[in-house]
Amino acid sequence: MSYNEEDYLQLSGIQHFAFCQRQWALIYMEQQWKENIYTYMGQELHEKVHTSGAEKRGDVIITRAVPLASKTLGLYGVADVIEFHRTDGPGLKLEKRTGHWLPVPVEYKVGSPKPTNCDKLQLCAQAICLEEKFNVITELGYIYYGRPRRRLEVELDQDLRKETYAVAKAMHAAFATGITPKAEVTKSCSKCSLMDICVPHLVERRSVKSYLRSVLTERSRGDGIEEAP
Protein backbone atom coordinates (compact mmCIF):
# COMPACT_ATOMS: atom_id res chain seq x y z
CA MET A 1 0.00 0.00 0.00
CA SER A 2 1.17 3.51 -0.81
CA TYR A 3 -0.17 6.74 0.74
CA ASN A 4 -0.44 10.15 -0.88
CA GLU A 5 1.72 12.84 0.73
CA GLU A 6 -1.32 14.88 1.78
CA ASP A 7 -2.44 11.90 3.87
CA TYR A 8 0.84 11.47 5.76
CA LEU A 9 0.65 11.51 9.56
CA GLN A 10 3.42 12.49 11.96
CA LEU A 11 5.86 9.67 12.56
CA SER A 12 6.31 10.54 16.24
CA GLY A 13 2.61 9.83 16.69
CA ILE A 14 3.14 6.08 16.34
CA GLN A 15 4.74 6.01 19.79
CA HIS A 16 1.83 7.98 21.30
CA PHE A 17 -0.74 5.81 19.51
CA ALA A 18 0.82 2.58 20.78
CA PHE A 19 1.09 4.03 24.30
CA CYS A 20 -2.44 5.46 24.49
CA GLN A 21 -4.78 6.02 21.55
CA ARG A 22 -6.69 8.72 23.44
CA GLN A 23 -3.46 10.63 24.14
CA TRP A 24 -2.57 10.39 20.44
CA ALA A 25 -6.00 11.69 19.40
CA LEU A 26 -5.88 14.61 21.84
CA ILE A 27 -2.46 15.67 20.55
CA TYR A 28 -2.68 14.97 16.82
CA MET A 29 -6.41 15.27 16.12
CA GLU A 30 -7.59 17.86 18.65
CA GLN A 31 -4.24 19.70 18.70
CA GLN A 32 -4.13 19.77 22.50
CA TRP A 33 -0.88 19.77 24.42
CA LYS A 34 0.23 20.58 27.95
CA GLU A 35 3.68 20.62 29.49
CA ASN A 36 4.78 18.74 32.58
CA ILE A 37 8.21 17.91 33.97
CA TYR A 38 8.49 14.82 31.74
CA THR A 39 7.67 16.62 28.47
CA TYR A 40 9.93 19.54 29.43
CA MET A 41 12.87 17.22 30.10
CA GLY A 42 12.16 15.45 26.82
CA GLN A 43 12.19 18.69 24.85
CA GLU A 44 15.42 19.77 26.52
CA LEU A 45 17.07 16.47 25.56
CA HIS A 46 15.87 16.61 21.94
CA GLU A 47 16.92 20.25 21.49
CA LYS A 48 20.38 19.40 22.79
CA VAL A 49 20.64 16.46 20.40
CA HIS A 50 19.35 18.39 17.37
CA THR A 51 21.67 21.39 17.83
CA SER A 52 24.89 19.43 18.39
CA GLY A 53 25.75 19.29 14.68
CA ALA A 54 27.20 16.50 12.51
CA GLU A 55 30.42 14.73 13.46
CA LYS A 56 32.59 11.72 12.67
CA ARG A 57 33.83 9.22 15.22
CA GLY A 58 36.06 6.60 13.67
CA ASP A 59 33.95 4.55 11.27
CA VAL A 60 30.72 6.25 12.31
CA ILE A 61 29.30 9.47 10.85
CA ILE A 62 26.67 11.11 13.07
CA THR A 63 23.96 13.31 11.52
CA ARG A 64 21.17 15.02 13.45
CA ALA A 65 17.61 16.27 12.92
CA VAL A 66 17.21 14.26 9.69
CA PRO A 67 13.88 14.63 7.78
CA LEU A 68 12.20 11.29 7.01
CA ALA A 69 9.13 10.05 5.15
CA SER A 70 7.61 6.72 4.12
CA LYS A 71 5.05 6.09 1.39
CA THR A 72 4.26 2.61 2.66
CA LEU A 73 3.63 3.77 6.22
CA GLY A 74 2.16 7.14 5.30
CA LEU A 75 4.31 8.86 7.92
CA TYR A 76 6.74 11.77 8.01
CA GLY A 77 8.94 13.30 10.69
CA VAL A 78 12.43 14.13 11.88
CA ALA A 79 14.87 11.59 13.31
CA ASP A 80 16.92 12.63 16.34
CA VAL A 81 20.09 11.01 15.04
CA ILE A 82 21.03 8.92 12.02
CA GLU A 83 24.41 7.25 12.23
CA PHE A 84 26.16 5.97 9.12
CA HIS A 85 28.31 2.95 9.93
CA ARG A 86 31.11 1.94 7.59
CA THR A 87 30.62 -1.58 6.25
CA ASP A 88 32.64 -4.06 4.21
CA GLY A 89 29.43 -5.44 2.73
CA PRO A 90 26.67 -3.85 0.65
CA GLY A 91 25.86 -0.27 1.55
CA LEU A 92 25.42 3.20 0.14
CA LYS A 93 27.90 5.78 -1.08
CA LEU A 94 28.18 9.09 0.76
CA GLU A 95 29.32 12.33 -0.83
CA LYS A 96 32.99 13.09 -0.11
CA ARG A 97 33.35 9.77 1.72
CA THR A 98 35.06 6.57 0.62
CA GLY A 99 33.69 3.08 1.13
CA HIS A 100 30.17 1.90 1.85
CA TRP A 101 27.90 2.95 4.70
CA LEU A 102 24.74 1.71 6.41
CA PRO A 103 22.22 4.10 8.02
CA VAL A 104 21.31 3.34 11.64
CA PRO A 105 18.53 5.29 13.44
CA VAL A 106 19.08 6.42 17.04
CA GLU A 107 16.10 7.70 19.02
CA TYR A 108 16.52 9.62 22.29
CA LYS A 109 14.12 9.21 25.22
CA VAL A 110 14.37 11.04 28.54
CA GLY A 111 12.89 8.18 30.58
CA SER A 112 13.64 4.49 31.02
CA PRO A 113 12.89 1.47 28.78
CA LYS A 114 9.18 0.67 28.57
CA PRO A 115 7.56 -2.75 28.93
CA THR A 116 5.74 -2.28 25.61
CA ASN A 117 7.04 -1.82 22.05
CA CYS A 118 5.87 1.80 21.70
CA ASP A 119 9.41 3.28 21.52
CA LYS A 120 10.64 0.45 19.31
CA LEU A 121 7.79 1.07 16.86
CA GLN A 122 8.93 4.67 16.41
CA LEU A 123 12.49 3.49 15.80
CA CYS A 124 11.34 0.83 13.34
CA ALA A 125 9.26 3.39 11.43
CA GLN A 126 12.38 5.54 11.09
CA ALA A 127 14.30 2.54 9.76
CA ILE A 128 11.62 1.86 7.15
CA CYS A 129 11.86 5.49 6.05
CA LEU A 130 15.62 5.12 5.67
CA GLU A 131 15.22 1.92 3.66
CA GLU A 132 12.85 3.62 1.24
CA LYS A 133 15.13 6.65 0.95
CA PHE A 134 18.44 4.84 0.45
CA ASN A 135 17.29 1.44 -0.87
CA VAL A 136 19.28 -0.47 1.74
CA ILE A 137 18.31 -2.83 4.56
CA THR A 138 18.52 -1.47 8.11
CA GLU A 139 18.71 -4.41 10.49
CA LEU A 140 19.19 -2.62 13.80
CA GLY A 141 18.80 0.69 15.58
CA TYR A 142 19.35 2.17 19.02
CA ILE A 143 17.27 3.91 21.65
CA TYR A 144 19.16 6.10 24.11
CA TYR A 145 17.38 6.33 27.46
CA GLY A 146 18.13 9.19 29.85
CA ARG A 147 17.62 6.73 32.67
CA PRO A 148 19.93 4.84 33.06
CA ARG A 149 21.94 6.82 30.46
CA ARG A 150 22.62 3.99 28.05
CA ARG A 151 21.81 2.86 24.54
CA LEU A 152 19.57 -0.10 23.95
CA GLU A 153 20.21 -2.04 20.74
CA VAL A 154 16.99 -2.95 18.94
CA GLU A 155 16.80 -5.70 16.34
CA LEU A 156 14.42 -4.61 13.59
CA ASP A 157 13.06 -8.08 12.91
CA GLN A 158 10.01 -9.11 10.89
CA ASP A 159 7.71 -9.25 13.91
CA LEU A 160 8.50 -5.65 14.84
CA ARG A 161 8.12 -4.54 11.23
CA LYS A 162 4.71 -6.22 10.92
CA GLU A 163 3.59 -4.55 14.13
CA THR A 164 4.85 -1.18 12.88
CA TYR A 165 2.85 -1.46 9.66
CA ALA A 166 -0.23 -2.64 11.58
CA VAL A 167 -0.09 0.26 14.05
CA ALA A 168 0.51 2.80 11.27
CA LYS A 169 -2.51 1.42 9.40
CA ALA A 170 -4.61 1.65 12.57
CA MET A 171 -3.48 5.27 13.04
CA HIS A 172 -4.71 6.20 9.57
CA ALA A 173 -8.02 4.43 10.19
CA ALA A 174 -8.47 6.20 13.53
CA PHE A 175 -7.58 9.58 12.02
CA ALA A 176 -10.14 9.03 9.26
CA THR A 177 -12.94 8.59 11.81
CA GLY A 178 -12.15 11.88 13.54
CA ILE A 179 -13.31 10.32 16.83
CA THR A 180 -11.30 10.63 20.05
CA PRO A 181 -11.40 7.34 22.00
CA LYS A 182 -12.87 7.27 25.49
CA ALA A 183 -10.52 7.38 28.45
CA GLU A 184 -9.26 4.23 30.12
CA VAL A 185 -7.45 4.67 33.43
CA THR A 186 -4.01 3.02 33.72
CA LYS A 187 -1.04 3.48 36.03
CA SER A 188 0.63 5.56 33.29
CA CYS A 189 -2.04 8.27 33.49
CA SER A 190 -0.38 10.01 36.45
CA LYS A 191 2.69 10.85 34.33
CA CYS A 192 0.75 12.03 31.28
CA SER A 193 0.92 15.76 30.54
CA LEU A 194 -2.68 15.62 29.29
CA MET A 195 -4.09 14.31 32.57
CA ASP A 196 -6.09 17.49 33.26
CA ILE A 197 -7.40 17.59 29.69
CA CYS A 198 -8.12 13.89 29.42
CA VAL A 199 -9.60 13.66 32.98
CA PRO A 200 -9.98 9.87 32.88
CA HIS A 201 -11.17 9.67 36.49
CA LEU A 202 -13.87 12.23 35.80
CA VAL A 203 -14.95 10.32 32.71
CA GLU A 204 -15.18 7.15 34.77
CA ARG A 205 -17.25 8.93 37.43
CA ARG A 206 -19.58 10.22 34.74
CA SER A 207 -19.97 6.69 33.43
CA VAL A 208 -20.94 5.47 36.91
CA LYS A 209 -23.36 8.37 37.30
CA SER A 210 -24.95 7.54 33.94
CA TYR A 211 -25.36 3.93 35.06
CA LEU A 212 -27.00 4.94 38.35
CA ARG A 213 -29.24 7.38 36.52
CA SER A 214 -30.44 4.61 34.19
CA VAL A 215 -31.13 2.31 37.17
CA LEU A 216 -33.14 4.97 38.97
CA THR A 217 -35.04 5.74 35.78
CA GLU A 218 -36.08 2.11 35.40
CA ARG A 219 -37.13 1.96 39.05
CA SER A 220 -39.12 5.18 38.82
CA ARG A 221 -41.14 3.72 36.00
CA GLY A 222 -42.13 0.70 38.08
CA ASP A 223 -41.97 1.89 41.69
CA GLY A 224 -42.94 5.52 41.53
CA ILE A 225 -39.44 6.69 42.53
CA GLU A 226 -38.53 10.12 41.17
CA GLU A 227 -35.68 10.15 38.60
CA ALA A 228 -32.34 11.49 39.82
CA PRO A 229 -31.34 14.88 38.40
C-alpha atoms as a PDB file:
ATOM      1  CA  MET A   1       0.000   0.000   0.000  1.00  0.00           C
ATOM      2  CA  SER A   2       1.167   3.513  -0.811  1.00  0.00           C
ATOM      3  CA  TYR A   3      -0.173   6.737   0.742  1.00  0.00           C
ATOM      4  CA  ASN A   4      -0.437  10.152  -0.877  1.00  0.00           C
ATOM      5  CA  GLU A   5       1.723  12.837   0.730  1.00  0.00           C
ATOM      6  CA  GLU A   6      -1.318  14.879   1.778  1.00  0.00           C
ATOM      7  CA  ASP A   7      -2.439  11.902   3.866  1.00  0.00           C
ATOM      8  CA  TYR A   8       0.837  11.468   5.755  1.00  0.00           C
ATOM      9  CA  LEU A   9       0.650  11.510   9.560  1.00  0.00           C
ATOM     10  CA  GLN A  10       3.419  12.493  11.958  1.00  0.00           C
ATOM     11  CA  LEU A  11       5.859   9.668  12.565  1.00  0.00           C
ATOM     12  CA  SER A  12       6.306  10.545  16.243  1.00  0.00           C
ATOM     13  CA  GLY A  13       2.606   9.830  16.689  1.00  0.00           C
ATOM     14  CA  ILE A  14       3.136   6.084  16.339  1.00  0.00           C
ATOM     15  CA  GLN A  15       4.744   6.015  19.789  1.00  0.00           C
ATOM     16  CA  HIS A  16       1.833   7.976  21.302  1.00  0.00           C
ATOM     17  CA  PHE A  17      -0.736   5.807  19.512  1.00  0.00           C
ATOM     18  CA  ALA A  18       0.824   2.579  20.784  1.00  0.00           C
ATOM     19  CA  PHE A  19       1.094   4.031  24.298  1.00  0.00           C
ATOM     20  CA  CYS A  20      -2.442   5.460  24.491  1.00  0.00           C
ATOM     21  CA  GLN A  21      -4.785   6.020  21.553  1.00  0.00           C
ATOM     22  CA  ARG A  22      -6.686   8.719  23.438  1.00  0.00           C
ATOM     23  CA  GLN A  23      -3.459  10.627  24.141  1.00  0.00           C
ATOM     24  CA  TRP A  24      -2.573  10.394  20.442  1.00  0.00           C
ATOM     25  CA  ALA A  25      -6.001  11.686  19.400  1.00  0.00           C
ATOM     26  CA  LEU A  26      -5.881  14.611  21.836  1.00  0.00           C
ATOM     27  CA  ILE A  27      -2.459  15.665  20.548  1.00  0.00           C
ATOM     28  CA  TYR A  28      -2.677  14.967  16.822  1.00  0.00           C
ATOM     29  CA  MET A  29      -6.407  15.271  16.121  1.00  0.00           C
ATOM     30  CA  GLU A  30      -7.588  17.855  18.649  1.00  0.00           C
ATOM     31  CA  GLN A  31      -4.236  19.704  18.700  1.00  0.00           C
ATOM     32  CA  GLN A  32      -4.127  19.769  22.499  1.00  0.00           C
ATOM     33  CA  TRP A  33      -0.884  19.769  24.420  1.00  0.00           C
ATOM     34  CA  LYS A  34       0.230  20.581  27.948  1.00  0.00           C
ATOM     35  CA  GLU A  35       3.685  20.621  29.494  1.00  0.00           C
ATOM     36  CA  ASN A  36       4.781  18.738  32.581  1.00  0.00           C
ATOM     37  CA  ILE A  37       8.206  17.907  33.973  1.00  0.00           C
ATOM     38  CA  TYR A  38       8.493  14.822  31.739  1.00  0.00           C
ATOM     39  CA  THR A  39       7.671  16.618  28.473  1.00  0.00           C
ATOM     40  CA  TYR A  40       9.934  19.542  29.434  1.00  0.00           C
ATOM     41  CA  MET A  41      12.870  17.222  30.095  1.00  0.00           C
ATOM     42  CA  GLY A  42      12.157  15.447  26.816  1.00  0.00           C
ATOM     43  CA  GLN A  43      12.189  18.686  24.846  1.00  0.00           C
ATOM     44  CA  GLU A  44      15.422  19.765  26.523  1.00  0.00           C
ATOM     45  CA  LEU A  45      17.066  16.474  25.562  1.00  0.00           C
ATOM     46  CA  HIS A  46      15.867  16.612  21.940  1.00  0.00           C
ATOM     47  CA  GLU A  47      16.919  20.251  21.492  1.00  0.00           C
ATOM     48  CA  LYS A  48      20.378  19.402  22.788  1.00  0.00           C
ATOM     49  CA  VAL A  49      20.640  16.462  20.397  1.00  0.00           C
ATOM     50  CA  HIS A  50      19.352  18.388  17.372  1.00  0.00           C
ATOM     51  CA  THR A  51      21.674  21.386  17.831  1.00  0.00           C
ATOM     52  CA  SER A  52      24.889  19.426  18.392  1.00  0.00           C
ATOM     53  CA  GLY A  53      25.755  19.285  14.678  1.00  0.00           C
ATOM     54  CA  ALA A  54      27.200  16.504  12.513  1.00  0.00           C
ATOM     55  CA  GLU A  55      30.421  14.728  13.463  1.00  0.00           C
ATOM     56  CA  LYS A  56      32.588  11.717  12.666  1.00  0.00           C
ATOM     57  CA  ARG A  57      33.830   9.220  15.224  1.00  0.00           C
ATOM     58  CA  GLY A  58      36.060   6.599  13.673  1.00  0.00           C
ATOM     59  CA  ASP A  59      33.955   4.545  11.267  1.00  0.00           C
ATOM     60  CA  VAL A  60      30.718   6.252  12.313  1.00  0.00           C
ATOM     61  CA  ILE A  61      29.296   9.466  10.849  1.00  0.00           C
ATOM     62  CA  ILE A  62      26.668  11.112  13.066  1.00  0.00           C
ATOM     63  CA  THR A  63      23.964  13.313  11.525  1.00  0.00           C
ATOM     64  CA  ARG A  64      21.167  15.021  13.455  1.00  0.00           C
ATOM     65  CA  ALA A  65      17.607  16.265  12.915  1.00  0.00           C
ATOM     66  CA  VAL A  66      17.215  14.258   9.693  1.00  0.00           C
ATOM     67  CA  PRO A  67      13.885  14.628   7.784  1.00  0.00           C
ATOM     68  CA  LEU A  68      12.203  11.294   7.011  1.00  0.00           C
ATOM     69  CA  ALA A  69       9.127  10.045   5.154  1.00  0.00           C
ATOM     70  CA  SER A  70       7.612   6.724   4.118  1.00  0.00           C
ATOM     71  CA  LYS A  71       5.052   6.094   1.387  1.00  0.00           C
ATOM     72  CA  THR A  72       4.257   2.605   2.655  1.00  0.00           C
ATOM     73  CA  LEU A  73       3.635   3.773   6.224  1.00  0.00           C
ATOM     74  CA  GLY A  74       2.158   7.144   5.296  1.00  0.00           C
ATOM     75  CA  LEU A  75       4.311   8.859   7.922  1.00  0.00           C
ATOM     76  CA  TYR A  76       6.738  11.771   8.006  1.00  0.00           C
ATOM     77  CA  GLY A  77       8.939  13.298  10.688  1.00  0.00           C
ATOM     78  CA  VAL A  78      12.431  14.126  11.877  1.00  0.00           C
ATOM     79  CA  ALA A  79      14.872  11.587  13.309  1.00  0.00           C
ATOM     80  CA  ASP A  80      16.920  12.631  16.335  1.00  0.00           C
ATOM     81  CA  VAL A  81      20.092  11.006  15.038  1.00  0.00           C
ATOM     82  CA  ILE A  82      21.030   8.918  12.018  1.00  0.00           C
ATOM     83  CA  GLU A  83      24.410   7.250  12.230  1.00  0.00           C
ATOM     84  CA  PHE A  84      26.155   5.969   9.116  1.00  0.00           C
ATOM     85  CA  HIS A  85      28.314   2.948   9.928  1.00  0.00           C
ATOM     86  CA  ARG A  86      31.109   1.938   7.587  1.00  0.00           C
ATOM     87  CA  THR A  87      30.624  -1.585   6.248  1.00  0.00           C
ATOM     88  CA  ASP A  88      32.642  -4.055   4.208  1.00  0.00           C
ATOM     89  CA  GLY A  89      29.428  -5.438   2.731  1.00  0.00           C
ATOM     90  CA  PRO A  90      26.667  -3.848   0.651  1.00  0.00           C
ATOM     91  CA  GLY A  91      25.856  -0.266   1.549  1.00  0.00           C
ATOM     92  CA  LEU A  92      25.425   3.198   0.136  1.00  0.00           C
ATOM     93  CA  LYS A  93      27.902   5.777  -1.079  1.00  0.00           C
ATOM     94  CA  LEU A  94      28.179   9.095   0.757  1.00  0.00           C
ATOM     95  CA  GLU A  95      29.322  12.332  -0.829  1.00  0.00           C
ATOM     96  CA  LYS A  96      32.987  13.087  -0.113  1.00  0.00           C
ATOM     97  CA  ARG A  97      33.352   9.765   1.721  1.00  0.00           C
ATOM     98  CA  THR A  98      35.056   6.573   0.615  1.00  0.00           C
ATOM     99  CA  GLY A  99      33.690   3.079   1.133  1.00  0.00           C
ATOM    100  CA  HIS A 100      30.169   1.899   1.851  1.00  0.00           C
ATOM    101  CA  TRP A 101      27.902   2.947   4.704  1.00  0.00           C
ATOM    102  CA  LEU A 102      24.744   1.712   6.415  1.00  0.00           C
ATOM    103  CA  PRO A 103      22.221   4.105   8.016  1.00  0.00           C
ATOM    104  CA  VAL A 104      21.308   3.341  11.642  1.00  0.00           C
ATOM    105  CA  PRO A 105      18.533   5.291  13.440  1.00  0.00           C
ATOM    106  CA  VAL A 106      19.082   6.424  17.036  1.00  0.00           C
ATOM    107  CA  GLU A 107      16.095   7.700  19.022  1.00  0.00           C
ATOM    108  CA  TYR A 108      16.516   9.625  22.286  1.00  0.00           C
ATOM    109  CA  LYS A 109      14.121   9.206  25.221  1.00  0.00           C
ATOM    110  CA  VAL A 110      14.365  11.036  28.535  1.00  0.00           C
ATOM    111  CA  GLY A 111      12.893   8.182  30.577  1.00  0.00           C
ATOM    112  CA  SER A 112      13.636   4.495  31.021  1.00  0.00           C
ATOM    113  CA  PRO A 113      12.893   1.473  28.779  1.00  0.00           C
ATOM    114  CA  LYS A 114       9.182   0.675  28.567  1.00  0.00           C
ATOM    115  CA  PRO A 115       7.556  -2.746  28.934  1.00  0.00           C
ATOM    116  CA  THR A 116       5.738  -2.284  25.610  1.00  0.00           C
ATOM    117  CA  ASN A 117       7.045  -1.816  22.054  1.00  0.00           C
ATOM    118  CA  CYS A 118       5.875   1.804  21.699  1.00  0.00           C
ATOM    119  CA  ASP A 119       9.408   3.282  21.523  1.00  0.00           C
ATOM    120  CA  LYS A 120      10.639   0.448  19.308  1.00  0.00           C
ATOM    121  CA  LEU A 121       7.788   1.072  16.861  1.00  0.00           C
ATOM    122  CA  GLN A 122       8.930   4.667  16.411  1.00  0.00           C
ATOM    123  CA  LEU A 123      12.490   3.490  15.804  1.00  0.00           C
ATOM    124  CA  CYS A 124      11.344   0.830  13.338  1.00  0.00           C
ATOM    125  CA  ALA A 125       9.265   3.393  11.434  1.00  0.00           C
ATOM    126  CA  GLN A 126      12.383   5.538  11.093  1.00  0.00           C
ATOM    127  CA  ALA A 127      14.298   2.545   9.760  1.00  0.00           C
ATOM    128  CA  ILE A 128      11.616   1.860   7.154  1.00  0.00           C
ATOM    129  CA  CYS A 129      11.856   5.494   6.052  1.00  0.00           C
ATOM    130  CA  LEU A 130      15.620   5.116   5.671  1.00  0.00           C
ATOM    131  CA  GLU A 131      15.225   1.921   3.659  1.00  0.00           C
ATOM    132  CA  GLU A 132      12.848   3.620   1.240  1.00  0.00           C
ATOM    133  CA  LYS A 133      15.128   6.648   0.954  1.00  0.00           C
ATOM    134  CA  PHE A 134      18.438   4.838   0.447  1.00  0.00           C
ATOM    135  CA  ASN A 135      17.285   1.440  -0.873  1.00  0.00           C
ATOM    136  CA  VAL A 136      19.282  -0.468   1.736  1.00  0.00           C
ATOM    137  CA  ILE A 137      18.307  -2.831   4.556  1.00  0.00           C
ATOM    138  CA  THR A 138      18.522  -1.472   8.110  1.00  0.00           C
ATOM    139  CA  GLU A 139      18.712  -4.415  10.494  1.00  0.00           C
ATOM    140  CA  LEU A 140      19.190  -2.622  13.798  1.00  0.00           C
ATOM    141  CA  GLY A 141      18.798   0.687  15.578  1.00  0.00           C
ATOM    142  CA  TYR A 142      19.350   2.167  19.019  1.00  0.00           C
ATOM    143  CA  ILE A 143      17.270   3.912  21.655  1.00  0.00           C
ATOM    144  CA  TYR A 144      19.159   6.098  24.105  1.00  0.00           C
ATOM    145  CA  TYR A 145      17.380   6.330  27.458  1.00  0.00           C
ATOM    146  CA  GLY A 146      18.131   9.189  29.852  1.00  0.00           C
ATOM    147  CA  ARG A 147      17.618   6.733  32.675  1.00  0.00           C
ATOM    148  CA  PRO A 148      19.932   4.841  33.057  1.00  0.00           C
ATOM    149  CA  ARG A 149      21.941   6.820  30.462  1.00  0.00           C
ATOM    150  CA  ARG A 150      22.616   3.988  28.055  1.00  0.00           C
ATOM    151  CA  ARG A 151      21.806   2.857  24.540  1.00  0.00           C
ATOM    152  CA  LEU A 152      19.566  -0.103  23.949  1.00  0.00           C
ATOM    153  CA  GLU A 153      20.209  -2.040  20.745  1.00  0.00           C
ATOM    154  CA  VAL A 154      16.991  -2.949  18.945  1.00  0.00           C
ATOM    155  CA  GLU A 155      16.797  -5.697  16.341  1.00  0.00           C
ATOM    156  CA  LEU A 156      14.418  -4.607  13.592  1.00  0.00           C
ATOM    157  CA  ASP A 157      13.062  -8.077  12.908  1.00  0.00           C
ATOM    158  CA  GLN A 158      10.013  -9.107  10.888  1.00  0.00           C
ATOM    159  CA  ASP A 159       7.707  -9.252  13.906  1.00  0.00           C
ATOM    160  CA  LEU A 160       8.501  -5.651  14.842  1.00  0.00           C
ATOM    161  CA  ARG A 161       8.122  -4.535  11.225  1.00  0.00           C
ATOM    162  CA  LYS A 162       4.711  -6.223  10.920  1.00  0.00           C
ATOM    163  CA  GLU A 163       3.585  -4.545  14.131  1.00  0.00           C
ATOM    164  CA  THR A 164       4.845  -1.177  12.883  1.00  0.00           C
ATOM    165  CA  TYR A 165       2.848  -1.460   9.659  1.00  0.00           C
ATOM    166  CA  ALA A 166      -0.230  -2.639  11.579  1.00  0.00           C
ATOM    167  CA  VAL A 167      -0.092   0.257  14.052  1.00  0.00           C
ATOM    168  CA  ALA A 168       0.509   2.801  11.275  1.00  0.00           C
ATOM    169  CA  LYS A 169      -2.511   1.422   9.403  1.00  0.00           C
ATOM    170  CA  ALA A 170      -4.611   1.651  12.572  1.00  0.00           C
ATOM    171  CA  MET A 171      -3.476   5.266  13.036  1.00  0.00           C
ATOM    172  CA  HIS A 172      -4.714   6.204   9.575  1.00  0.00           C
ATOM    173  CA  ALA A 173      -8.020   4.426  10.191  1.00  0.00           C
ATOM    174  CA  ALA A 174      -8.469   6.201  13.533  1.00  0.00           C
ATOM    175  CA  PHE A 175      -7.584   9.581  12.017  1.00  0.00           C
ATOM    176  CA  ALA A 176     -10.141   9.035   9.256  1.00  0.00           C
ATOM    177  CA  THR A 177     -12.935   8.586  11.814  1.00  0.00           C
ATOM    178  CA  GLY A 178     -12.152  11.878  13.542  1.00  0.00           C
ATOM    179  CA  ILE A 179     -13.308  10.322  16.827  1.00  0.00           C
ATOM    180  CA  THR A 180     -11.304  10.633  20.048  1.00  0.00           C
ATOM    181  CA  PRO A 181     -11.403   7.338  21.996  1.00  0.00           C
ATOM    182  CA  LYS A 182     -12.871   7.271  25.487  1.00  0.00           C
ATOM    183  CA  ALA A 183     -10.519   7.378  28.453  1.00  0.00           C
ATOM    184  CA  GLU A 184      -9.260   4.231  30.124  1.00  0.00           C
ATOM    185  CA  VAL A 185      -7.450   4.665  33.434  1.00  0.00           C
ATOM    186  CA  THR A 186      -4.012   3.024  33.723  1.00  0.00           C
ATOM    187  CA  LYS A 187      -1.035   3.484  36.032  1.00  0.00           C
ATOM    188  CA  SER A 188       0.630   5.564  33.286  1.00  0.00           C
ATOM    189  CA  CYS A 189      -2.042   8.271  33.491  1.00  0.00           C
ATOM    190  CA  SER A 190      -0.379  10.015  36.448  1.00  0.00           C
ATOM    191  CA  LYS A 191       2.693  10.849  34.329  1.00  0.00           C
ATOM    192  CA  CYS A 192       0.750  12.031  31.278  1.00  0.00           C
ATOM    193  CA  SER A 193       0.920  15.764  30.544  1.00  0.00           C
ATOM    194  CA  LEU A 194      -2.679  15.624  29.288  1.00  0.00           C
ATOM    195  CA  MET A 195      -4.094  14.312  32.574  1.00  0.00           C
ATOM    196  CA  ASP A 196      -6.091  17.489  33.258  1.00  0.00           C
ATOM    197  CA  ILE A 197      -7.403  17.589  29.689  1.00  0.00           C
ATOM    198  CA  CYS A 198      -8.120  13.887  29.421  1.00  0.00           C
ATOM    199  CA  VAL A 199      -9.596  13.657  32.980  1.00  0.00           C
ATOM    200  CA  PRO A 200      -9.981   9.869  32.878  1.00  0.00           C
ATOM    201  CA  HIS A 201     -11.166   9.671  36.491  1.00  0.00           C
ATOM    202  CA  LEU A 202     -13.875  12.233  35.797  1.00  0.00           C
ATOM    203  CA  VAL A 203     -14.947  10.322  32.706  1.00  0.00           C
ATOM    204  CA  GLU A 204     -15.182   7.150  34.773  1.00  0.00           C
ATOM    205  CA  ARG A 205     -17.251   8.932  37.427  1.00  0.00           C
ATOM    206  CA  ARG A 206     -19.584  10.217  34.737  1.00  0.00           C
ATOM    207  CA  SER A 207     -19.975   6.689  33.429  1.00  0.00           C
ATOM    208  CA  VAL A 208     -20.944   5.473  36.914  1.00  0.00           C
ATOM    209  CA  LYS A 209     -23.359   8.372  37.295  1.00  0.00           C
ATOM    210  CA  SER A 210     -24.945   7.541  33.944  1.00  0.00           C
ATOM    211  CA  TYR A 211     -25.363   3.928  35.061  1.00  0.00           C
ATOM    212  CA  LEU A 212     -26.996   4.939  38.354  1.00  0.00           C
ATOM    213  CA  ARG A 213     -29.239   7.379  36.517  1.00  0.00           C
ATOM    214  CA  SER A 214     -30.439   4.611  34.193  1.00  0.00           C
ATOM    215  CA  VAL A 215     -31.134   2.308  37.166  1.00  0.00           C
ATOM    216  CA  LEU A 216     -33.137   4.974  38.972  1.00  0.00           C
ATOM    217  CA  THR A 217     -35.039   5.736  35.780  1.00  0.00           C
ATOM    218  CA  GLU A 218     -36.076   2.111  35.405  1.00  0.00           C
ATOM    219  CA  ARG A 219     -37.132   1.958  39.052  1.00  0.00           C
ATOM    220  CA  SER A 220     -39.116   5.182  38.817  1.00  0.00           C
ATOM    221  CA  ARG A 221     -41.141   3.718  35.996  1.00  0.00           C
ATOM    222  CA  GLY A 222     -42.125   0.700  38.084  1.00  0.00           C
ATOM    223  CA  ASP A 223     -41.971   1.892  41.693  1.00  0.00           C
ATOM    224  CA  GLY A 224     -42.940   5.525  41.533  1.00  0.00           C
ATOM    225  CA  ILE A 225     -39.439   6.693  42.529  1.00  0.00           C
ATOM    226  CA  GLU A 226     -38.533  10.122  41.170  1.00  0.00           C
ATOM    227  CA  GLU A 227     -35.679  10.152  38.600  1.00  0.00           C
ATOM    228  CA  ALA A 228     -32.341  11.493  39.820  1.00  0.00           C
ATOM    229  CA  PRO A 229     -31.340  14.879  38.401  1.00  0.00           C
END
